[in-house]
Amino acid sequence: MKLVVEEFYKSIAKDGEEVCGDNVEVIKQDDTTIIVLSDGLGSGIKANILSTLTSKIAIGLLNKNLPLEEIIATIIETLPICEVREIAYATLAVLKIDNKGKVQLIEMDTPSAFLLKNNKVKSIKTTEIKIRGKRIKKAEFEMDRSDMIFMASDGVLHAGIGGLLDFGLGWEGVADHLEKVAKKKKELKYIINKMVGICQGYYFTEPGDDFTILGVKYRRTREVTVLSGPPQKKEDDPEVIKELMNSSGKKVINGGTTAQIAARELDEELETSFEYHDRDIPPVSYLKGIDLVTEGLLTLNKVLEFLDDYKQGQLLPEKKDGASQLIRLLLKSDQINFLVGRAMNESHQSLNLPLELGIRSQIVDRIANYLKKLNKKVSIEWY
């Protein structure tokens, strides 16, 4: 089965600041993932603007497939240098990795990346080059399918400084904690959340610096099929349910009427839950052979609202409501298939809404467009 790159990150702002001075940008190009991490000098709004500017410039140029050296040169010439500390106003780390294991790494004034191989963290061997008088670390290597790479801003290495530790965790300290956490569970989300918790602990939950930790690994491709809405013609009910059940990967039904049709066609009992995990989102239901059964349009709208603000690589919501579960399935999958019914739902007429065809099709189209921008493969079939 084909392998793809999976990435997660989490950023924490310095205590007392509303925004984090670090910024992460991720883009997917066919079989290649490009990640940029930048740490703005200082903290707060100014640092956030500097890191965002740096990472946006870098990711925009990388998306045009320009040479890394040319990109670094452009950034060095664009960003000013702090006259007092003689360092750039923002750091930069670029990780470019394809689905076959080829990795390129560029580091400018940023902590060295961590390579987790066979449960041991190793430093990545780099060569030093000079670009516009600036010393840049560069590496090209092959990554095995079981390896993981972690990148961090210096706030991670500084955790505990002046408190529990005289000089902070440091690179070796972070590496030691990564090894211990990864031995318990190889899931990226688990490792990232645990490492954030460890850093918070060393900071006594009052971070003295912004910090970001990001992880990358390979995983097998995932597929999900979402059936939303009843078919326009009732005689198509058996066909659409059969297509759903014959699909690969996870199976989702969106909509109460649709779930009832599936239960009838499958000759299974539809179990309805009355447990609200979010007062604005109706409870999920349960049907044998289906991984998730949710309410219809309200749930789809919540998914759309989330995607509107989502950045590639961010940790996903962990709540148990139907919308959060559907969001996780969509964003964890690489191939998303929508089977969309075009029947009118009479319950919406009293609300003076347009035909559900218009409502549902617009929402599904917008969700599909967001997913495509995240480099997901999306298909839509209408019934």
Protein backbone atom coordinates (compact mmCIF):
# COMPACT_ATOMS: atom_id res chain seq x y z
CA MET A 1 0.00 0.00 0.00
CA LYS A 2 1.21 3.49 -0.81
CA LEU A 3 2.83 5.53 1.95
CA VAL A 4 2.17 9.21 2.60
CA VAL A 5 3.67 11.80 4.92
CA GLU A 6 1.76 12.67 8.07
CA GLU A 7 2.58 15.76 10.13
CA PHE A 8 1.31 17.32 13.36
CA TYR A 9 2.40 20.35 15.33
CA LYS A 10 1.38 22.42 18.32
CA SER A 11 2.39 25.96 19.24
CA ILE A 12 2.15 27.55 22.69
CA ALA A 13 2.40 31.30 23.28
CA LYS A 14 4.61 32.84 25.96
CA ASP A 15 2.75 33.39 29.22
CA GLY A 16 0.86 36.67 29.06
CA GLU A 17 0.88 36.90 25.25
CA GLU A 18 -2.24 36.47 23.12
CA VAL A 19 -0.45 35.09 20.06
CA CYS A 20 2.50 32.79 19.52
CA GLY A 21 5.68 34.19 18.00
CA ASP A 22 6.27 30.95 16.08
CA ASN A 23 4.58 30.08 12.80
CA VAL A 24 4.28 26.86 10.80
CA GLU A 25 3.29 26.51 7.15
CA VAL A 26 2.68 23.20 5.36
CA ILE A 27 1.97 22.51 1.70
CA LYS A 28 1.45 19.27 -0.20
CA GLN A 29 2.66 18.91 -3.79
CA ASP A 30 1.64 15.60 -5.34
CA ASP A 31 3.99 13.17 -3.53
CA THR A 32 5.97 15.82 -1.63
CA THR A 33 5.33 17.56 1.69
CA ILE A 34 7.05 20.86 2.51
CA ILE A 35 7.11 22.20 6.06
CA VAL A 36 8.42 25.58 7.22
CA LEU A 37 8.93 26.53 10.87
CA SER A 38 9.89 30.08 11.82
CA ASP A 39 10.47 31.67 15.24
CA GLY A 40 10.20 35.45 15.40
CA LEU A 41 12.64 37.36 17.60
CA GLY A 42 11.08 38.13 20.98
CA SER A 43 7.41 37.31 21.56
CA GLY A 44 3.90 38.61 21.01
CA ILE A 45 2.48 40.39 17.98
CA LYS A 46 5.83 41.59 16.62
CA ALA A 47 7.38 38.13 16.76
CA ASN A 48 4.26 36.62 15.20
CA ILE A 49 4.39 39.08 12.29
CA LEU A 50 8.09 38.37 11.70
CA SER A 51 7.72 34.58 11.80
CA THR A 52 4.58 34.68 9.64
CA LEU A 53 6.27 36.91 7.07
CA THR A 54 9.33 34.64 6.97
CA SER A 55 7.38 31.39 6.67
CA LYS A 56 4.90 32.79 4.12
CA ILE A 57 7.72 34.03 1.88
CA ALA A 58 9.51 30.69 2.17
CA ILE A 59 6.46 28.52 1.51
CA GLY A 60 5.39 30.69 -1.42
CA LEU A 61 8.78 30.36 -3.10
CA LEU A 62 9.02 26.65 -2.27
CA ASN A 63 5.63 26.13 -3.89
CA LYS A 64 7.18 27.44 -7.11
CA ASN A 65 9.92 24.80 -6.84
CA LEU A 66 12.76 27.32 -6.65
CA PRO A 67 16.14 26.06 -5.36
CA LEU A 68 16.42 26.13 -1.56
CA GLU A 69 19.59 28.22 -1.71
CA GLU A 70 17.84 30.85 -3.80
CA ILE A 71 14.95 30.94 -1.36
CA ILE A 72 17.24 31.37 1.64
CA ALA A 73 19.08 34.16 -0.15
CA THR A 74 15.79 35.96 -0.84
CA ILE A 75 14.73 35.70 2.80
CA ILE A 76 18.11 36.92 4.08
CA GLU A 77 17.92 39.93 1.80
CA THR A 78 14.30 40.62 2.76
CA LEU A 79 14.50 40.38 6.54
CA PRO A 80 16.53 42.87 8.57
CA ILE A 81 19.26 41.87 11.03
CA CYS A 82 19.15 42.85 14.71
CA GLU A 83 22.06 45.26 15.13
CA VAL A 84 22.47 44.48 18.84
CA ARG A 85 22.40 40.67 18.71
CA GLU A 86 23.59 40.39 15.07
CA ILE A 87 21.03 37.71 14.27
CA ALA A 88 18.08 37.60 11.89
CA TYR A 89 14.76 38.79 13.20
CA ALA A 90 13.33 35.33 12.55
CA THR A 91 14.73 31.81 12.38
CA LEU A 92 13.91 29.39 9.59
CA ALA A 93 13.74 25.61 9.26
CA VAL A 94 12.61 23.95 6.02
CA LEU A 95 11.84 20.25 5.71
CA LYS A 96 11.06 18.82 2.28
CA ILE A 97 10.15 15.15 2.18
CA ASP A 98 8.67 12.93 -0.52
CA ASN A 99 6.67 9.74 -0.17
CA LYS A 100 9.64 7.58 -1.17
CA GLY A 101 11.95 8.67 1.66
CA LYS A 102 14.02 11.47 0.15
CA VAL A 103 14.50 14.31 2.65
CA GLN A 104 16.00 17.79 2.33
CA LEU A 105 16.58 19.93 5.41
CA ILE A 106 17.65 23.57 5.74
CA GLU A 107 18.24 25.24 9.13
CA MET A 108 19.00 28.89 9.81
CA ASP A 109 19.51 29.99 13.44
CA THR A 110 17.15 27.25 14.62
CA PRO A 111 17.61 24.15 16.85
CA SER A 112 18.80 21.07 15.02
CA ALA A 113 16.09 18.61 14.01
CA PHE A 114 15.68 15.26 15.79
CA LEU A 115 15.70 11.95 13.88
CA LEU A 116 14.03 9.10 15.75
CA LYS A 117 15.32 5.81 14.36
CA ASN A 118 14.91 2.43 16.04
CA ASN A 119 13.66 4.10 19.24
CA LYS A 120 16.80 6.24 19.49
CA VAL A 121 17.05 9.95 18.69
CA LYS A 122 19.98 10.84 16.47
CA SER A 123 21.24 14.17 15.26
CA ILE A 124 21.05 14.68 11.52
CA LYS A 125 24.43 15.07 9.87
CA THR A 126 24.53 18.45 8.16
CA THR A 127 26.99 20.40 6.06
CA GLU A 128 27.47 24.11 6.50
CA ILE A 129 27.17 26.49 3.60
CA LYS A 130 27.30 30.27 3.39
CA ILE A 131 24.58 32.25 1.68
CA ARG A 132 24.91 36.03 1.59
CA GLY A 133 27.42 35.74 4.43
CA LYS A 134 24.98 33.73 6.56
CA ARG A 135 25.88 30.26 7.84
CA ILE A 136 23.23 27.74 6.89
CA LYS A 137 23.03 24.06 7.83
CA LYS A 138 21.94 21.73 5.06
CA ALA A 139 21.24 18.00 4.85
CA GLU A 140 19.99 15.49 2.29
CA PHE A 141 19.30 11.93 3.38
CA GLU A 142 16.97 8.94 3.09
CA MET A 143 14.27 8.38 5.70
CA ASP A 144 13.07 4.84 6.47
CA ARG A 145 9.34 4.13 6.68
CA SER A 146 9.56 3.63 10.47
CA ASP A 147 11.57 6.80 11.15
CA MET A 148 10.21 10.02 12.60
CA ILE A 149 11.57 13.57 12.35
CA PHE A 150 10.87 16.26 14.93
CA MET A 151 11.51 20.00 14.68
CA ALA A 152 11.29 22.50 17.52
CA SER A 153 11.65 26.19 18.19
CA ASP A 154 14.16 27.23 20.84
CA GLY A 155 11.38 27.66 23.42
CA VAL A 156 11.31 23.84 23.66
CA LEU A 157 15.05 23.67 24.40
CA HIS A 158 14.74 26.55 26.91
CA ALA A 159 12.00 24.84 28.95
CA GLY A 160 12.91 24.94 32.65
CA ILE A 161 15.62 27.58 32.31
CA GLY A 162 16.16 29.53 35.51
CA GLY A 163 13.73 27.22 37.33
CA LEU A 164 14.00 23.46 37.43
CA LEU A 165 17.05 23.58 35.16
CA ASP A 166 19.84 26.15 35.08
CA PHE A 167 20.15 26.12 31.29
CA GLY A 168 16.88 24.55 30.21
CA LEU A 169 16.25 21.14 28.69
CA GLY A 170 18.69 21.60 25.85
CA TRP A 171 18.87 19.42 22.75
CA GLU A 172 19.94 16.29 24.63
CA GLY A 173 17.20 16.71 27.21
CA VAL A 174 14.53 17.05 24.54
CA ALA A 175 15.95 14.00 22.74
CA ASP A 176 15.82 11.97 25.96
CA HIS A 177 12.16 12.83 26.53
CA LEU A 178 11.29 12.09 22.88
CA GLU A 179 12.76 8.60 23.21
CA LYS A 180 10.84 7.87 26.41
CA VAL A 181 7.52 9.13 25.04
CA ALA A 182 7.88 7.38 21.65
CA LYS A 183 8.61 4.04 23.34
CA LYS A 184 5.11 4.12 24.85
CA LYS A 185 3.25 5.00 21.65
CA LYS A 186 4.30 5.72 18.07
CA GLU A 187 1.32 7.96 17.27
CA LEU A 188 2.41 11.49 16.32
CA LYS A 189 -0.50 13.23 18.01
CA TYR A 190 0.28 11.41 21.25
CA ILE A 191 3.98 12.28 21.10
CA ILE A 192 3.36 15.96 20.28
CA ASN A 193 0.79 16.38 23.05
CA LYS A 194 3.02 14.62 25.58
CA MET A 195 6.04 16.73 24.66
CA VAL A 196 3.98 19.93 24.97
CA GLY A 197 2.85 18.76 28.40
CA ILE A 198 6.45 18.05 29.44
CA CYS A 199 7.57 21.52 28.34
CA GLN A 200 4.65 23.09 30.15
CA GLY A 201 5.68 21.20 33.26
CA TYR A 202 9.24 22.53 33.12
CA TYR A 203 7.82 26.02 32.66
CA PHE A 204 5.46 25.51 35.66
CA THR A 205 2.60 26.06 33.16
CA GLU A 206 3.81 29.65 32.63
CA PRO A 207 6.01 29.48 29.49
CA GLY A 208 8.80 32.01 29.49
CA ASP A 209 9.04 31.76 25.70
CA ASP A 210 6.90 30.78 22.74
CA PHE A 211 7.45 27.18 21.76
CA THR A 212 6.47 24.85 18.94
CA ILE A 213 7.10 21.16 18.42
CA LEU A 214 6.38 19.42 15.13
CA GLY A 215 6.59 15.79 14.08
CA VAL A 216 6.67 13.97 10.74
CA LYS A 217 6.31 10.29 9.90
CA TYR A 218 5.10 7.93 7.18
CA ARG A 219 1.81 6.07 7.27
CA ARG A 220 -0.32 4.03 4.89
CA THR A 221 -2.95 5.82 2.82
CA ARG A 222 -6.47 6.02 4.24
CA GLU A 223 -9.87 6.22 2.53
CA VAL A 224 -13.33 7.25 3.71
CA THR A 225 -16.70 7.24 1.95
CA VAL A 226 -19.45 9.60 3.14
CA LEU A 227 -23.09 9.03 2.19
CA SER A 228 -25.07 12.24 2.71
CA GLY A 229 -28.77 12.59 1.92
CA PRO A 230 -31.35 10.22 0.40
CA PRO A 231 -31.27 9.52 -3.35
CA GLN A 232 -33.69 11.53 -5.50
CA LYS A 233 -35.26 8.30 -6.74
CA LYS A 234 -36.30 5.78 -4.11
CA GLU A 235 -35.50 2.92 -6.46
CA ASP A 236 -31.82 3.98 -6.19
CA ASP A 237 -31.76 3.29 -2.43
CA PRO A 238 -30.37 -0.28 -2.73
CA GLU A 239 -27.73 0.81 -5.26
CA VAL A 240 -26.31 3.66 -3.18
CA ILE A 241 -26.22 1.57 0.02
CA LYS A 242 -24.49 -1.22 -1.87
CA GLU A 243 -21.89 1.24 -3.19
CA LEU A 244 -21.27 2.52 0.33
CA MET A 245 -20.85 -0.97 1.79
CA ASN A 246 -18.53 -2.07 -1.06
CA SER A 247 -16.27 0.96 -0.63
CA SER A 248 -12.79 0.69 0.87
CA GLY A 249 -11.81 2.19 4.20
CA LYS A 250 -14.10 3.92 6.69
CA LYS A 251 -17.82 4.35 6.05
CA VAL A 252 -19.91 7.35 7.18
CA ILE A 253 -23.61 8.17 6.93
CA ASN A 254 -24.60 11.82 7.27
CA GLY A 255 -28.31 12.46 7.85
CA GLY A 256 -31.11 10.86 9.86
CA THR A 257 -33.32 9.89 6.92
CA THR A 258 -30.30 8.48 5.08
CA ALA A 259 -29.43 6.38 8.13
CA GLN A 260 -32.99 4.99 8.24
CA ILE A 261 -32.73 4.00 4.58
CA ALA A 262 -29.43 2.24 5.26
CA ALA A 263 -30.86 0.40 8.26
CA ARG A 264 -33.80 -0.79 6.15
CA GLU A 265 -31.62 -1.92 3.23
CA LEU A 266 -29.10 -3.64 5.52
CA ASP A 267 -31.84 -5.13 7.72
CA GLU A 268 -30.06 -3.82 10.81
CA GLU A 269 -31.34 -1.85 13.79
CA LEU A 270 -30.50 1.85 13.93
CA GLU A 271 -29.57 2.78 17.49
CA THR A 272 -30.07 6.44 18.33
CA SER A 273 -28.06 8.11 21.08
CA PHE A 274 -29.39 10.91 23.28
CA GLU A 275 -25.99 11.89 24.65
CA TYR A 276 -25.04 15.46 23.70
CA HIS A 277 -21.28 16.13 23.66
CA ASP A 278 -21.95 19.58 22.18
CA ARG A 279 -25.30 21.32 22.67
CA ASP A 280 -25.17 22.74 19.13
CA ILE A 281 -24.61 19.38 17.44
CA PRO A 282 -27.18 16.54 17.49
CA PRO A 283 -26.00 13.18 18.90
CA VAL A 284 -24.58 10.42 16.72
CA SER A 285 -26.36 7.15 16.00
CA TYR A 286 -25.05 3.62 15.58
CA LEU A 287 -25.52 1.11 12.76
CA LYS A 288 -23.71 -2.18 12.30
CA GLY A 289 -21.14 -2.01 9.49
CA ILE A 290 -20.95 1.80 9.55
CA ASP A 291 -18.08 3.58 11.31
CA LEU A 292 -19.93 6.85 11.97
CA VAL A 293 -23.58 7.96 11.70
CA THR A 294 -24.25 11.67 12.18
CA GLU A 295 -27.06 14.19 11.82
CA GLY A 296 -27.16 15.99 8.47
CA LEU A 297 -26.88 19.69 7.66
CA LEU A 298 -26.03 21.07 11.11
CA THR A 299 -23.12 18.64 11.31
CA LEU A 300 -21.93 19.48 7.78
CA ASN A 301 -22.04 23.20 8.61
CA LYS A 302 -19.88 22.65 11.71
CA VAL A 303 -17.37 20.74 9.59
CA LEU A 304 -17.30 23.63 7.11
CA GLU A 305 -16.77 26.18 9.91
CA PHE A 306 -13.79 24.22 11.22
CA LEU A 307 -12.17 23.81 7.80
CA ASP A 308 -12.53 27.54 7.20
CA ASP A 309 -9.95 28.22 9.95
CA TYR A 310 -7.87 25.04 9.71
CA LYS A 311 -4.14 25.08 8.89
CA GLN A 312 -2.45 21.97 7.52
CA GLY A 313 -0.69 20.06 10.27
CA GLN A 314 -2.62 21.41 13.26
CA LEU A 315 -3.79 18.92 15.85
CA LEU A 316 -7.40 17.89 15.31
CA PRO A 317 -10.32 18.36 17.72
CA GLU A 318 -10.63 15.52 20.22
CA LYS A 319 -14.28 16.03 21.19
CA LYS A 320 -16.76 13.18 20.76
CA ASP A 321 -19.58 15.02 18.98
CA GLY A 322 -20.50 13.97 15.44
CA ALA A 323 -18.92 16.96 13.71
CA SER A 324 -15.56 16.50 15.48
CA GLN A 325 -15.55 12.79 14.65
CA LEU A 326 -16.33 13.53 11.00
CA ILE A 327 -13.62 16.21 10.85
CA ARG A 328 -11.04 13.74 12.17
CA LEU A 329 -12.04 11.10 9.63
CA LEU A 330 -11.87 13.54 6.72
CA LEU A 331 -8.55 15.11 7.67
CA LYS A 332 -6.91 11.78 8.52
CA SER A 333 -7.89 10.35 5.13
CA ASP A 334 -6.19 10.77 1.77
CA GLN A 335 -9.04 9.67 -0.50
CA ILE A 336 -12.50 11.04 0.34
CA ASN A 337 -15.55 9.84 -1.60
CA PHE A 338 -18.87 11.66 -1.24
CA LEU A 339 -22.12 9.95 -2.25
CA VAL A 340 -24.69 12.77 -2.20
CA GLY A 341 -28.44 12.27 -2.44
CA ARG A 342 -30.54 14.91 -4.18
CA ALA A 343 -33.92 14.22 -2.59
CA MET A 344 -35.72 17.15 -0.97
CA ASN A 345 -36.08 17.00 2.81
CA GLU A 346 -39.60 18.21 3.62
CA SER A 347 -38.63 19.08 7.21
CA HIS A 348 -36.69 22.07 5.88
CA GLN A 349 -39.63 23.64 4.06
CA SER A 350 -41.07 25.12 7.28
CA LEU A 351 -37.82 27.05 7.69
CA ASN A 352 -38.33 28.74 4.31
CA LEU A 353 -35.02 27.30 3.15
CA PRO A 354 -34.22 26.43 -0.48
CA LEU A 355 -34.48 22.82 -1.55
CA GLU A 356 -32.01 20.64 0.33
CA LEU A 357 -30.42 19.96 -3.04
CA GLY A 358 -29.15 23.53 -3.06
CA ILE A 359 -28.13 23.55 0.60
CA ARG A 360 -26.45 20.16 0.72
CA SER A 361 -24.73 20.44 -2.64
CA GLN A 362 -23.23 23.84 -1.78
CA ILE A 363 -21.94 22.64 1.60
CA VAL A 364 -20.48 19.42 0.18
CA ASP A 365 -18.87 21.33 -2.69
CA ARG A 366 -17.25 23.80 -0.27
CA ILE A 367 -16.02 21.02 2.01
CA ALA A 368 -14.62 19.19 -1.03
CA ASN A 369 -12.79 22.33 -2.20
CA TYR A 370 -11.19 22.80 1.23
CA LEU A 371 -10.07 19.17 1.25
CA LYS A 372 -8.61 19.48 -2.25
CA LYS A 373 -6.56 22.48 -1.11
CA LEU A 374 -5.10 20.17 1.54
CA ASN A 375 -4.04 17.85 -1.29
CA LYS A 376 -6.76 15.29 -0.58
CA LYS A 377 -8.15 13.28 -3.47
CA VAL A 378 -11.89 13.93 -3.51
CA SER A 379 -14.70 12.45 -5.60
CA ILE A 380 -18.43 13.29 -5.57
CA GLU A 381 -21.24 11.14 -6.98
CA TRP A 382 -24.81 12.45 -7.10
CA TYR A 383 -27.93 10.34 -6.70
